[in-house]
N, C-alpha and C. Protein backbone atom coordinates (compact mmCIF):
# COMPACT_ATOMS: atom_id res chain seq x y z
N GLN A 1 -122.40 -42.07 -60.95
CA GLN A 1 -122.34 -41.65 -62.47
C GLN A 1 -121.83 -40.01 -62.26
N VAL A 2 -120.92 -39.81 -62.99
CA VAL A 2 -120.73 -38.32 -63.04
C VAL A 2 -121.52 -37.62 -64.59
N GLN A 3 -122.35 -36.50 -64.25
CA GLN A 3 -122.57 -35.66 -65.14
C GLN A 3 -122.19 -34.27 -64.92
N LEU A 4 -121.95 -33.59 -66.21
CA LEU A 4 -121.89 -32.29 -66.29
C LEU A 4 -122.61 -31.67 -67.41
N VAL A 5 -123.43 -30.59 -67.09
CA VAL A 5 -124.35 -30.21 -68.04
C VAL A 5 -124.29 -28.67 -68.14
N GLU A 6 -123.79 -28.31 -69.10
CA GLU A 6 -123.57 -26.93 -69.74
C GLU A 6 -124.51 -26.10 -69.86
N SER A 7 -124.84 -24.77 -70.14
CA SER A 7 -125.65 -24.00 -70.18
C SER A 7 -125.06 -22.81 -70.20
N GLY A 8 -125.67 -21.91 -70.85
CA GLY A 8 -125.79 -20.38 -70.82
C GLY A 8 -124.86 -19.70 -72.56
N GLY A 9 -124.77 -20.37 -73.07
CA GLY A 9 -124.46 -20.50 -74.52
C GLY A 9 -124.87 -19.37 -75.29
N GLY A 10 -124.93 -19.10 -76.27
CA GLY A 10 -125.54 -18.14 -77.29
C GLY A 10 -124.93 -17.18 -78.07
N SER A 11 -125.52 -16.41 -78.87
CA SER A 11 -125.06 -15.45 -79.90
C SER A 11 -124.96 -14.12 -79.51
N VAL A 12 -123.75 -13.33 -79.48
CA VAL A 12 -123.82 -12.03 -79.09
C VAL A 12 -122.96 -11.16 -79.95
N GLN A 13 -122.92 -10.08 -80.03
CA GLN A 13 -121.84 -9.33 -80.49
C GLN A 13 -120.42 -9.12 -80.24
N ALA A 14 -119.69 -8.50 -80.75
CA ALA A 14 -118.37 -8.47 -80.25
C ALA A 14 -118.49 -7.41 -79.28
N GLY A 15 -117.71 -7.57 -77.97
CA GLY A 15 -117.73 -6.80 -76.87
C GLY A 15 -118.88 -7.08 -75.97
N GLY A 16 -119.77 -8.16 -76.48
CA GLY A 16 -120.56 -8.57 -75.49
C GLY A 16 -120.38 -9.56 -74.32
N THR A 17 -121.09 -9.92 -73.37
CA THR A 17 -120.90 -10.80 -72.24
C THR A 17 -121.72 -11.99 -72.11
N LEU A 18 -121.20 -13.13 -71.97
CA LEU A 18 -121.98 -14.16 -71.64
C LEU A 18 -121.37 -14.85 -70.40
N ARG A 19 -122.42 -15.71 -69.56
CA ARG A 19 -121.72 -16.45 -68.51
C ARG A 19 -122.18 -17.95 -68.71
N LEU A 20 -121.43 -18.90 -68.69
CA LEU A 20 -121.71 -20.28 -68.87
C LEU A 20 -121.69 -20.93 -67.66
N SER A 21 -122.53 -21.84 -67.42
CA SER A 21 -123.04 -22.78 -66.01
C SER A 21 -122.56 -24.25 -66.57
N CYS A 22 -122.08 -24.82 -65.42
CA CYS A 22 -121.80 -26.22 -65.53
C CYS A 22 -122.21 -26.83 -64.26
N ILE A 23 -123.27 -27.55 -64.33
CA ILE A 23 -123.86 -28.34 -63.08
C ILE A 23 -123.38 -29.66 -63.00
N ALA A 24 -122.90 -30.13 -61.72
CA ALA A 24 -122.22 -31.31 -61.75
C ALA A 24 -123.08 -32.03 -60.88
N SER A 25 -123.17 -33.61 -61.12
CA SER A 25 -123.69 -34.27 -60.28
C SER A 25 -123.18 -35.42 -60.21
N GLY A 26 -122.87 -36.46 -59.33
CA GLY A 26 -122.12 -37.58 -59.03
C GLY A 26 -120.82 -37.37 -58.79
N LEU A 27 -120.52 -36.16 -58.67
CA LEU A 27 -119.05 -35.30 -58.00
C LEU A 27 -119.13 -34.11 -57.24
N THR A 28 -118.15 -34.26 -56.37
CA THR A 28 -118.46 -32.79 -55.59
C THR A 28 -117.35 -32.22 -55.85
N ILE A 29 -117.93 -31.04 -56.70
CA ILE A 29 -116.45 -29.96 -57.12
C ILE A 29 -115.67 -29.42 -56.40
N ASN A 30 -115.96 -29.52 -54.94
CA ASN A 30 -114.97 -28.73 -54.09
C ASN A 30 -113.89 -29.82 -54.08
N SER A 31 -113.98 -31.13 -54.26
CA SER A 31 -112.67 -32.33 -54.38
C SER A 31 -112.66 -32.64 -55.91
N ALA A 32 -112.47 -31.52 -56.75
CA ALA A 32 -112.04 -31.93 -57.85
C ALA A 32 -111.48 -30.92 -58.70
N CYS A 33 -110.75 -30.95 -59.87
CA CYS A 33 -110.13 -29.78 -60.83
C CYS A 33 -111.04 -29.87 -61.77
N LEU A 34 -111.17 -28.76 -62.12
CA LEU A 34 -112.32 -28.29 -63.12
C LEU A 34 -111.85 -27.32 -64.30
N GLY A 35 -112.54 -27.11 -64.99
CA GLY A 35 -112.43 -26.04 -66.25
C GLY A 35 -113.25 -26.19 -67.35
N TRP A 36 -112.79 -25.44 -68.51
CA TRP A 36 -113.61 -25.07 -69.55
C TRP A 36 -112.44 -25.42 -70.61
N PHE A 37 -113.00 -25.85 -71.70
CA PHE A 37 -112.25 -26.09 -72.74
C PHE A 37 -112.96 -25.77 -74.03
N ARG A 38 -112.50 -25.43 -75.25
CA ARG A 38 -113.78 -25.01 -76.44
C ARG A 38 -112.85 -25.89 -77.63
N GLN A 39 -113.93 -25.80 -78.64
CA GLN A 39 -113.29 -26.22 -79.87
C GLN A 39 -114.10 -25.28 -81.07
N ALA A 40 -113.26 -24.72 -81.55
CA ALA A 40 -113.99 -24.13 -82.88
C ALA A 40 -114.07 -25.05 -84.09
N THR A 41 -114.83 -24.65 -85.06
CA THR A 41 -115.01 -25.55 -86.15
C THR A 41 -113.70 -25.66 -87.27
N GLY A 42 -113.19 -27.01 -87.15
CA GLY A 42 -111.99 -27.05 -88.12
C GLY A 42 -110.78 -26.90 -87.13
N LYS A 43 -110.85 -26.89 -85.67
CA LYS A 43 -109.92 -26.69 -84.98
C LYS A 43 -109.68 -27.58 -83.88
N GLU A 44 -108.25 -27.70 -83.35
CA GLU A 44 -108.19 -28.67 -82.19
C GLU A 44 -109.12 -28.18 -80.81
N ARG A 45 -109.23 -28.97 -79.97
CA ARG A 45 -109.73 -28.59 -78.61
C ARG A 45 -108.83 -27.34 -77.94
N GLU A 46 -109.19 -26.69 -77.19
CA GLU A 46 -108.07 -25.64 -76.76
C GLU A 46 -108.58 -25.30 -75.17
N GLY A 47 -107.65 -25.60 -74.07
CA GLY A 47 -107.97 -25.58 -73.01
C GLY A 47 -108.36 -24.05 -72.66
N VAL A 48 -109.10 -23.49 -71.80
CA VAL A 48 -109.56 -22.31 -71.87
C VAL A 48 -109.13 -21.52 -70.38
N ALA A 49 -109.72 -22.29 -69.36
CA ALA A 49 -109.43 -21.65 -67.88
C ALA A 49 -109.78 -23.17 -67.21
N GLY A 50 -108.97 -23.06 -65.98
CA GLY A 50 -109.10 -23.92 -65.14
C GLY A 50 -108.99 -23.52 -63.69
N ILE A 51 -109.27 -24.59 -62.86
CA ILE A 51 -109.44 -24.01 -61.38
C ILE A 51 -108.85 -25.68 -60.52
N ASP A 52 -107.93 -25.57 -59.58
CA ASP A 52 -107.52 -26.89 -59.21
C ASP A 52 -108.21 -26.90 -57.63
N THR A 53 -107.51 -28.04 -57.07
CA THR A 53 -108.00 -28.15 -55.77
C THR A 53 -108.15 -27.27 -54.76
N ASP A 54 -106.57 -26.54 -54.98
CA ASP A 54 -106.40 -25.40 -54.00
C ASP A 54 -107.21 -24.15 -54.52
N ARG A 55 -108.25 -24.08 -55.33
CA ARG A 55 -108.73 -23.19 -55.69
C ARG A 55 -107.97 -22.06 -56.57
N ARG A 56 -106.94 -22.09 -57.15
CA ARG A 56 -105.78 -21.55 -58.03
C ARG A 56 -106.53 -21.41 -59.29
N THR A 57 -106.73 -20.53 -59.96
CA THR A 57 -107.09 -20.21 -61.63
C THR A 57 -106.16 -20.13 -62.26
N SER A 58 -106.17 -20.67 -63.57
CA SER A 58 -105.57 -20.37 -64.75
C SER A 58 -106.14 -20.14 -65.43
N TYR A 59 -105.60 -19.24 -66.51
CA TYR A 59 -105.97 -18.99 -68.42
C TYR A 59 -105.02 -19.12 -69.10
N ILE A 60 -105.54 -19.27 -70.36
CA ILE A 60 -104.67 -19.00 -71.69
C ILE A 60 -104.44 -17.34 -71.62
N ASP A 61 -103.51 -17.12 -72.39
CA ASP A 61 -103.07 -15.83 -72.51
C ASP A 61 -104.32 -14.95 -73.44
N SER A 62 -105.13 -15.75 -74.22
CA SER A 62 -106.00 -14.82 -75.17
C SER A 62 -106.93 -14.70 -74.64
N VAL A 63 -107.43 -14.87 -73.15
CA VAL A 63 -108.54 -14.64 -72.27
C VAL A 63 -108.39 -14.15 -70.92
N LYS A 64 -107.04 -13.73 -70.90
CA LYS A 64 -106.74 -13.14 -69.42
C LYS A 64 -107.14 -12.02 -69.69
N GLY A 65 -107.80 -11.45 -68.20
CA GLY A 65 -108.37 -10.01 -68.41
C GLY A 65 -109.88 -10.18 -68.75
N ARG A 66 -110.04 -11.32 -69.43
CA ARG A 66 -111.70 -10.75 -70.19
C ARG A 66 -112.75 -11.99 -69.45
N PHE A 67 -112.12 -13.32 -69.18
CA PHE A 67 -112.79 -14.63 -68.51
C PHE A 67 -112.47 -14.42 -67.10
N THR A 68 -113.34 -14.90 -66.45
CA THR A 68 -113.30 -15.34 -65.28
C THR A 68 -113.82 -16.66 -64.79
N ILE A 69 -113.15 -17.73 -63.92
CA ILE A 69 -113.53 -18.91 -63.90
C ILE A 69 -114.12 -18.89 -62.29
N PHE A 70 -115.11 -19.42 -61.74
CA PHE A 70 -115.25 -19.26 -60.45
C PHE A 70 -116.46 -20.45 -60.25
N GLN A 71 -116.80 -20.92 -59.05
CA GLN A 71 -117.54 -21.84 -58.91
C GLN A 71 -118.56 -21.39 -57.36
N ASP A 72 -119.83 -22.19 -57.19
CA ASP A 72 -120.64 -22.13 -56.33
C ASP A 72 -120.46 -23.50 -55.56
N ILE A 73 -119.71 -23.73 -54.40
CA ILE A 73 -119.60 -25.10 -54.02
C ILE A 73 -121.08 -25.17 -53.40
N GLY A 74 -122.03 -24.53 -53.00
CA GLY A 74 -123.22 -24.71 -52.33
C GLY A 74 -124.22 -25.32 -53.48
N LYS A 75 -124.34 -24.74 -54.79
CA LYS A 75 -124.64 -25.12 -56.02
C LYS A 75 -124.30 -26.58 -56.87
N ASN A 76 -122.77 -26.78 -56.50
CA ASN A 76 -122.00 -27.53 -57.32
C ASN A 76 -121.99 -27.24 -58.43
N THR A 77 -121.90 -25.87 -58.90
CA THR A 77 -121.84 -25.46 -60.07
C THR A 77 -120.49 -24.77 -60.47
N LEU A 78 -119.80 -25.06 -61.54
CA LEU A 78 -118.70 -24.38 -62.11
C LEU A 78 -119.44 -23.17 -63.11
N TYR A 79 -118.75 -21.77 -63.04
CA TYR A 79 -119.30 -20.86 -64.04
C TYR A 79 -117.81 -20.52 -64.85
N LEU A 80 -118.20 -19.71 -66.02
CA LEU A 80 -117.33 -18.86 -66.98
C LEU A 80 -118.13 -17.95 -67.26
N GLU A 81 -117.32 -16.65 -66.79
CA GLU A 81 -117.72 -15.23 -66.69
C GLU A 81 -116.98 -15.17 -68.16
N MET A 82 -117.55 -14.41 -69.31
CA MET A 82 -116.90 -14.04 -70.33
C MET A 82 -117.33 -12.86 -70.96
N ASN A 83 -116.37 -11.76 -70.66
CA ASN A 83 -116.38 -10.35 -71.03
C ASN A 83 -116.11 -10.39 -72.17
N ASN A 84 -116.11 -8.89 -72.81
CA ASN A 84 -115.51 -8.18 -74.25
C ASN A 84 -115.35 -9.57 -75.13
N LEU A 85 -116.01 -10.15 -75.38
CA LEU A 85 -116.16 -11.39 -76.25
C LEU A 85 -115.54 -10.96 -77.63
N LYS A 86 -114.85 -11.76 -78.27
CA LYS A 86 -114.37 -11.39 -79.95
C LYS A 86 -114.66 -12.68 -80.74
N PRO A 87 -114.76 -12.36 -81.85
CA PRO A 87 -115.29 -13.28 -82.75
C PRO A 87 -113.99 -14.48 -82.54
N GLU A 88 -113.15 -14.53 -82.29
CA GLU A 88 -112.44 -15.62 -82.09
C GLU A 88 -112.52 -16.22 -81.05
N ASP A 89 -113.60 -16.06 -79.89
CA ASP A 89 -114.23 -16.91 -79.09
C ASP A 89 -115.12 -17.91 -79.38
N THR A 90 -115.64 -17.40 -80.71
CA THR A 90 -116.65 -18.62 -81.27
C THR A 90 -116.23 -20.02 -81.17
N ALA A 91 -116.98 -20.65 -80.52
CA ALA A 91 -116.81 -22.13 -80.40
C ALA A 91 -117.64 -22.91 -79.71
N MET A 92 -117.63 -24.18 -79.63
CA MET A 92 -118.25 -24.88 -78.78
C MET A 92 -117.49 -25.20 -77.23
N TYR A 93 -118.29 -24.86 -75.88
CA TYR A 93 -117.66 -24.75 -74.75
C TYR A 93 -117.94 -26.00 -74.07
N TYR A 94 -116.97 -26.60 -73.51
CA TYR A 94 -117.38 -27.81 -72.68
C TYR A 94 -116.75 -27.71 -71.23
N CYS A 95 -117.42 -27.89 -70.27
CA CYS A 95 -116.93 -28.20 -69.13
C CYS A 95 -116.24 -29.63 -68.75
N ALA A 96 -115.05 -29.47 -68.18
CA ALA A 96 -114.39 -30.77 -67.59
C ALA A 96 -113.99 -30.87 -66.37
N ALA A 97 -113.80 -32.17 -65.64
CA ALA A 97 -113.69 -32.34 -64.47
C ALA A 97 -112.68 -33.60 -64.14
N GLU A 98 -111.82 -33.73 -63.09
CA GLU A 98 -111.22 -34.93 -62.86
C GLU A 98 -111.41 -35.08 -61.32
N PRO A 99 -111.37 -35.79 -60.46
CA PRO A 99 -111.52 -36.18 -59.34
C PRO A 99 -109.84 -35.40 -58.72
N SER A 100 -109.94 -35.27 -57.73
CA SER A 100 -108.65 -34.67 -56.80
C SER A 100 -107.28 -35.75 -56.78
N TRP A 101 -108.15 -37.06 -57.00
CA TRP A 101 -106.80 -37.78 -56.90
C TRP A 101 -106.40 -38.55 -58.02
N ALA A 102 -106.89 -38.11 -59.11
CA ALA A 102 -106.66 -38.45 -60.22
C ALA A 102 -105.41 -37.51 -60.83
N PHE A 103 -104.47 -38.34 -61.59
CA PHE A 103 -103.06 -37.66 -62.04
C PHE A 103 -103.36 -36.29 -62.88
N ARG A 104 -104.04 -36.43 -63.45
CA ARG A 104 -104.63 -35.37 -64.66
C ARG A 104 -104.99 -34.09 -63.84
N CYS A 105 -105.55 -34.24 -62.86
CA CYS A 105 -105.70 -33.07 -61.65
C CYS A 105 -104.53 -32.52 -61.45
N GLY A 106 -103.73 -33.10 -60.95
CA GLY A 106 -102.20 -32.80 -60.83
C GLY A 106 -101.58 -31.89 -62.01
N HIS A 107 -101.80 -32.44 -63.20
CA HIS A 107 -101.33 -32.16 -64.47
C HIS A 107 -101.75 -30.05 -64.73
N LEU A 108 -103.01 -30.13 -64.00
CA LEU A 108 -103.69 -29.00 -64.40
C LEU A 108 -102.70 -27.69 -63.56
N GLU A 109 -102.24 -28.19 -62.41
CA GLU A 109 -101.31 -27.47 -61.43
C GLU A 109 -100.20 -27.02 -62.13
N THR A 110 -99.71 -27.89 -62.84
CA THR A 110 -98.25 -27.73 -63.51
C THR A 110 -98.24 -27.46 -64.81
N GLN A 111 -99.28 -27.70 -65.46
CA GLN A 111 -99.05 -27.40 -66.97
C GLN A 111 -99.91 -26.32 -67.39
N GLY A 112 -101.71 -26.29 -66.64
CA GLY A 112 -102.09 -25.05 -66.81
C GLY A 112 -103.27 -25.79 -67.61
N PRO A 113 -104.26 -24.89 -68.39
CA PRO A 113 -105.61 -25.35 -68.92
C PRO A 113 -105.14 -26.16 -70.16
N ARG A 114 -103.99 -26.44 -70.64
CA ARG A 114 -103.89 -27.12 -72.20
C ARG A 114 -104.17 -28.49 -71.59
N VAL A 115 -104.30 -29.06 -70.50
CA VAL A 115 -104.66 -30.40 -70.09
C VAL A 115 -106.30 -30.54 -70.14
N LEU A 116 -106.83 -29.50 -70.02
CA LEU A 116 -108.24 -29.68 -69.75
C LEU A 116 -108.93 -30.69 -70.95
N PRO A 117 -108.60 -30.56 -72.03
CA PRO A 117 -109.28 -31.72 -72.92
C PRO A 117 -109.23 -32.96 -72.50
N GLN A 118 -108.08 -33.40 -72.12
CA GLN A 118 -107.84 -34.94 -71.48
C GLN A 118 -108.34 -35.12 -70.22
N PHE A 119 -109.23 -34.35 -69.82
CA PHE A 119 -109.90 -34.96 -68.26
C PHE A 119 -111.13 -35.81 -68.85
N GLY A 120 -111.02 -36.66 -67.75
CA GLY A 120 -112.08 -37.87 -67.93
C GLY A 120 -113.71 -37.52 -68.11
N TYR A 121 -114.14 -36.78 -67.50
CA TYR A 121 -115.51 -36.22 -67.19
C TYR A 121 -115.82 -34.97 -68.37
N ARG A 122 -116.70 -35.28 -68.93
CA ARG A 122 -117.00 -33.69 -70.19
C ARG A 122 -118.30 -33.36 -70.09
N GLY A 123 -118.88 -32.50 -70.29
CA GLY A 123 -120.21 -32.29 -70.95
C GLY A 123 -120.43 -32.34 -72.36
N GLN A 124 -121.70 -32.01 -72.71
CA GLN A 124 -122.06 -32.01 -73.89
C GLN A 124 -122.19 -30.64 -74.80
N GLY A 125 -121.41 -29.76 -74.07
CA GLY A 125 -120.96 -28.52 -74.49
C GLY A 125 -122.24 -27.52 -74.80
N THR A 126 -121.71 -26.21 -74.75
CA THR A 126 -122.49 -25.28 -75.35
C THR A 126 -122.05 -24.16 -76.03
N GLN A 127 -122.62 -23.64 -76.88
CA GLN A 127 -122.29 -23.03 -78.43
C GLN A 127 -122.32 -21.59 -78.06
N VAL A 128 -120.88 -21.09 -78.32
CA VAL A 128 -121.14 -19.49 -78.11
C VAL A 128 -120.45 -19.17 -79.64
N THR A 129 -121.03 -18.08 -79.89
CA THR A 129 -121.11 -17.36 -81.56
C THR A 129 -121.05 -15.92 -81.36
N VAL A 130 -119.70 -15.27 -81.47
CA VAL A 130 -119.30 -13.78 -81.56
C VAL A 130 -119.45 -13.24 -83.00
N SER A 131 -120.06 -12.37 -83.10
CA SER A 131 -120.28 -11.52 -84.37
C SER A 131 -119.43 -10.50 -84.40
N SER A 132 -119.06 -9.88 -85.46
CA SER A 132 -118.21 -8.62 -85.49
C SER A 132 -119.15 -7.53 -85.61
C-alpha cells in the first residue's frame, strides 16, 4: 500500500522560505515519477514541479527560479524548497507519485507538471499561506 505523507507547510510573510517534505512508503521513489501540485481556495489543481525517472526536473513558469524539487533516496523522501514566496503561492500543496511503468509517468516527461494532479498516488496535503 502506497502512502505519501507531506509536512513542512506553514504561514510566512512574502519573501519567506519553506521546505515541504513528502515521505513515501510502499513505493521506492527511485523508481517513480514524483511531484507537487497545489490547489488554492476556489481554484483548480495546478501542477507545480515534477521529477521524472531520469531525475530531470520541470517547473511551471511562475515558480521557476524560486522553487526547487529534489529527493533523498536514502530517506525515500521528496522535497520542495520554496524561496521568495508570494501571496499567490498560498494553497494546499500535495505530493504525487506514479510508478515508473505507469503511462502517466511518461506524460510528466512530455507534458510537464500539469499532469501531476492526475497521478494516482497523492498525500493528504500541507497548507502554505503567504501574507503580504
